[in-house]
């Protein structure tokens, strides 16, 4: 009876999918882009939670089945929401603002800095040297 239970447990255990070479490198890259839903701000490649292990296995299975990177990201996004992606897609005005705002702030800051520096140099008067004979002997 114990042997039967052990055999059933062994057969019901998930079989790890092994990938080789470029496929494993691709899986690792994807695992760094997908957030663990149990851990806060940790990719599934580094998380030790059970669900992260299941997510890693799902990535490997999908790669072995021939899914593209975009299909894998879409599958996880469909299942867990956009939160699961470390690099959310730029959709609509909110997405464009999310991705474009840092660059707009950088350009605006550079323009402001240039304007301030230009204004200082235009308003600064040239300092005239004082001749030694114009110095008072009030020492």
Protein backbone atom coordinates (compact mmCIF):
# COMPACT_ATOMS: atom_id res chain seq x y z
CA UNK A 1 0.00 0.00 0.00
CA UNK A 2 2.84 2.40 0.90
CA UNK A 3 4.55 1.60 -2.39
CA UNK A 4 1.36 2.40 -4.31
CA UNK A 5 0.98 5.77 -2.56
CA UNK A 6 4.65 6.59 -3.17
CA UNK A 7 4.29 5.67 -6.86
CA UNK A 8 1.19 7.87 -7.21
CA UNK A 9 2.94 10.79 -5.54
CA UNK A 10 5.96 10.31 -7.78
CA UNK A 11 3.83 10.22 -10.92
CA UNK A 12 1.75 13.24 -9.91
CA UNK A 13 4.81 15.40 -9.19
CA UNK A 14 5.47 18.03 -11.87
CA UNK A 15 8.26 17.13 -14.23
CA UNK A 16 10.81 19.90 -14.64
CA UNK A 17 11.30 21.06 -18.19
CA UNK A 18 14.96 21.21 -19.14
CA UNK A 19 16.10 23.69 -21.78
CA UNK A 20 19.50 23.95 -23.37
CA UNK A 21 21.70 26.74 -24.69
CA UNK A 22 19.90 29.64 -26.32
CA UNK A 23 16.47 28.53 -25.07
CA UNK A 24 17.64 28.54 -21.45
CA UNK A 25 19.26 31.96 -21.92
CA UNK A 26 15.99 33.22 -23.41
CA UNK A 27 14.06 31.75 -20.47
CA UNK A 28 16.40 33.44 -17.98
CA UNK A 29 15.99 36.80 -19.74
CA UNK A 30 12.21 36.47 -19.61
CA UNK A 31 12.32 35.43 -15.95
CA UNK A 32 14.13 38.70 -15.16
CA UNK A 33 11.30 40.66 -16.84
CA UNK A 34 8.44 38.98 -14.97
CA UNK A 35 7.61 40.01 -11.41
CA UNK A 36 6.83 37.44 -8.74
CA UNK A 37 3.23 37.93 -7.61
CA UNK A 38 4.03 36.80 -4.05
CA UNK A 39 7.22 38.83 -3.54
CA UNK A 40 7.35 42.57 -3.77
CA UNK A 41 9.45 43.87 -6.70
CA UNK A 42 11.43 40.69 -7.16
CA UNK A 43 11.76 38.89 -10.50
CA UNK A 44 10.78 35.24 -10.66
CA UNK A 45 14.39 34.41 -11.53
CA UNK A 46 15.47 35.41 -7.99
CA UNK A 47 12.40 34.59 -5.91
CA UNK A 48 12.33 31.48 -3.74
CA UNK A 49 8.54 31.37 -3.35
CA UNK A 50 6.61 28.36 -4.58
CA UNK A 51 4.55 30.40 -7.04
CA UNK A 52 7.72 31.85 -8.57
CA UNK A 53 8.95 28.29 -9.13
CA UNK A 54 5.67 27.49 -10.88
CA UNK A 55 5.99 30.65 -12.98
CA UNK A 56 9.57 29.74 -13.97
CA UNK A 57 8.39 26.28 -14.98
CA UNK A 58 5.56 27.81 -17.04
CA UNK A 59 8.07 30.02 -18.90
CA UNK A 60 10.20 26.98 -19.72
CA UNK A 61 7.20 24.93 -20.86
CA UNK A 62 5.97 27.72 -23.11
CA UNK A 63 9.44 28.14 -24.65
CA UNK A 64 9.69 24.38 -25.27
CA UNK A 65 6.25 24.56 -26.96
CA UNK A 66 7.57 27.25 -29.31
CA UNK A 67 5.89 30.35 -27.86
CA UNK A 68 7.45 33.74 -28.65
CA UNK A 69 8.63 36.13 -25.95
CA UNK A 70 5.64 38.39 -26.65
CA UNK A 71 3.21 35.48 -26.32
CA UNK A 72 4.74 34.54 -22.96
CA UNK A 73 4.54 38.12 -21.68
CA UNK A 74 0.93 38.38 -22.91
CA UNK A 75 0.02 35.10 -21.17
CA UNK A 76 1.38 36.30 -17.83
CA UNK A 77 -0.20 39.73 -18.27
CA UNK A 78 -3.55 38.13 -19.07
CA UNK A 79 -3.36 35.92 -16.02
CA UNK A 80 -1.90 38.31 -13.41
CA UNK A 81 -2.41 41.79 -14.90
CA UNK A 82 0.08 44.35 -16.18
CA UNK A 83 1.66 44.55 -12.71
CA UNK A 84 3.50 41.29 -13.40
CA UNK A 85 5.64 42.94 -16.12
CA UNK A 86 8.65 44.97 -15.03
CA UNK A 87 8.46 46.84 -18.36
CA UNK A 88 4.80 47.74 -18.90
CA UNK A 89 3.63 48.45 -22.43
CA UNK A 90 3.11 52.04 -23.56
CA UNK A 91 -0.60 52.04 -24.33
CA UNK A 92 -2.67 55.18 -24.58
CA UNK A 93 -1.83 58.59 -23.10
CA UNK A 94 -0.99 57.17 -19.67
CA UNK A 95 1.58 54.77 -21.07
CA UNK A 96 3.18 57.40 -23.27
CA UNK A 97 3.33 59.79 -20.33
CA UNK A 98 4.90 57.07 -18.17
CA UNK A 99 7.66 56.40 -20.69
CA UNK A 100 8.04 59.95 -22.07
CA UNK A 101 7.92 62.04 -18.88
CA UNK A 102 11.53 61.36 -17.79
CA UNK A 103 12.85 62.48 -21.17
CA UNK A 104 10.62 65.57 -21.21
CA UNK A 105 11.81 66.48 -17.70
CA UNK A 106 15.44 66.02 -18.77
CA UNK A 107 15.02 68.28 -21.82
CA UNK A 108 13.08 70.85 -19.78
CA UNK A 109 15.74 70.88 -17.05
CA UNK A 110 18.51 71.32 -19.61
CA UNK A 111 16.62 74.22 -21.25
CA UNK A 112 16.03 75.85 -17.87
CA UNK A 113 19.69 75.46 -16.90
CA UNK A 114 20.80 76.93 -20.22
CA UNK A 115 18.45 79.89 -19.76
CA UNK A 116 19.68 80.58 -16.24
CA UNK A 117 23.35 80.43 -17.28
CA UNK A 118 22.74 82.64 -20.30
CA UNK A 119 20.86 85.19 -18.19
CA UNK A 120 23.68 85.35 -15.66
CA UNK A 121 26.36 85.98 -18.25
CA UNK A 122 24.31 88.71 -19.99
CA UNK A 123 23.54 90.59 -16.78
CA UNK A 124 26.98 90.31 -15.21
CA UNK A 125 29.10 93.42 -15.60
CA UNK A 126 32.70 93.11 -16.43
CA UNK A 127 34.88 93.79 -13.41
CA UNK A 128 37.37 96.60 -13.95
CA UNK A 129 40.83 96.30 -12.50
CA UNK A 130 41.81 98.99 -9.97
CA UNK A 131 45.05 100.74 -10.56
CA UNK A 132 47.51 100.71 -7.62
CA UNK A 133 47.50 104.53 -7.39
CA UNK A 134 43.69 104.54 -6.92
CA UNK A 135 43.96 102.49 -3.74
CA UNK A 136 43.62 104.52 -0.58
CA UNK A 137 46.26 104.38 2.09
CA UNK A 138 43.69 103.97 4.86
CA UNK A 139 45.34 100.90 6.26
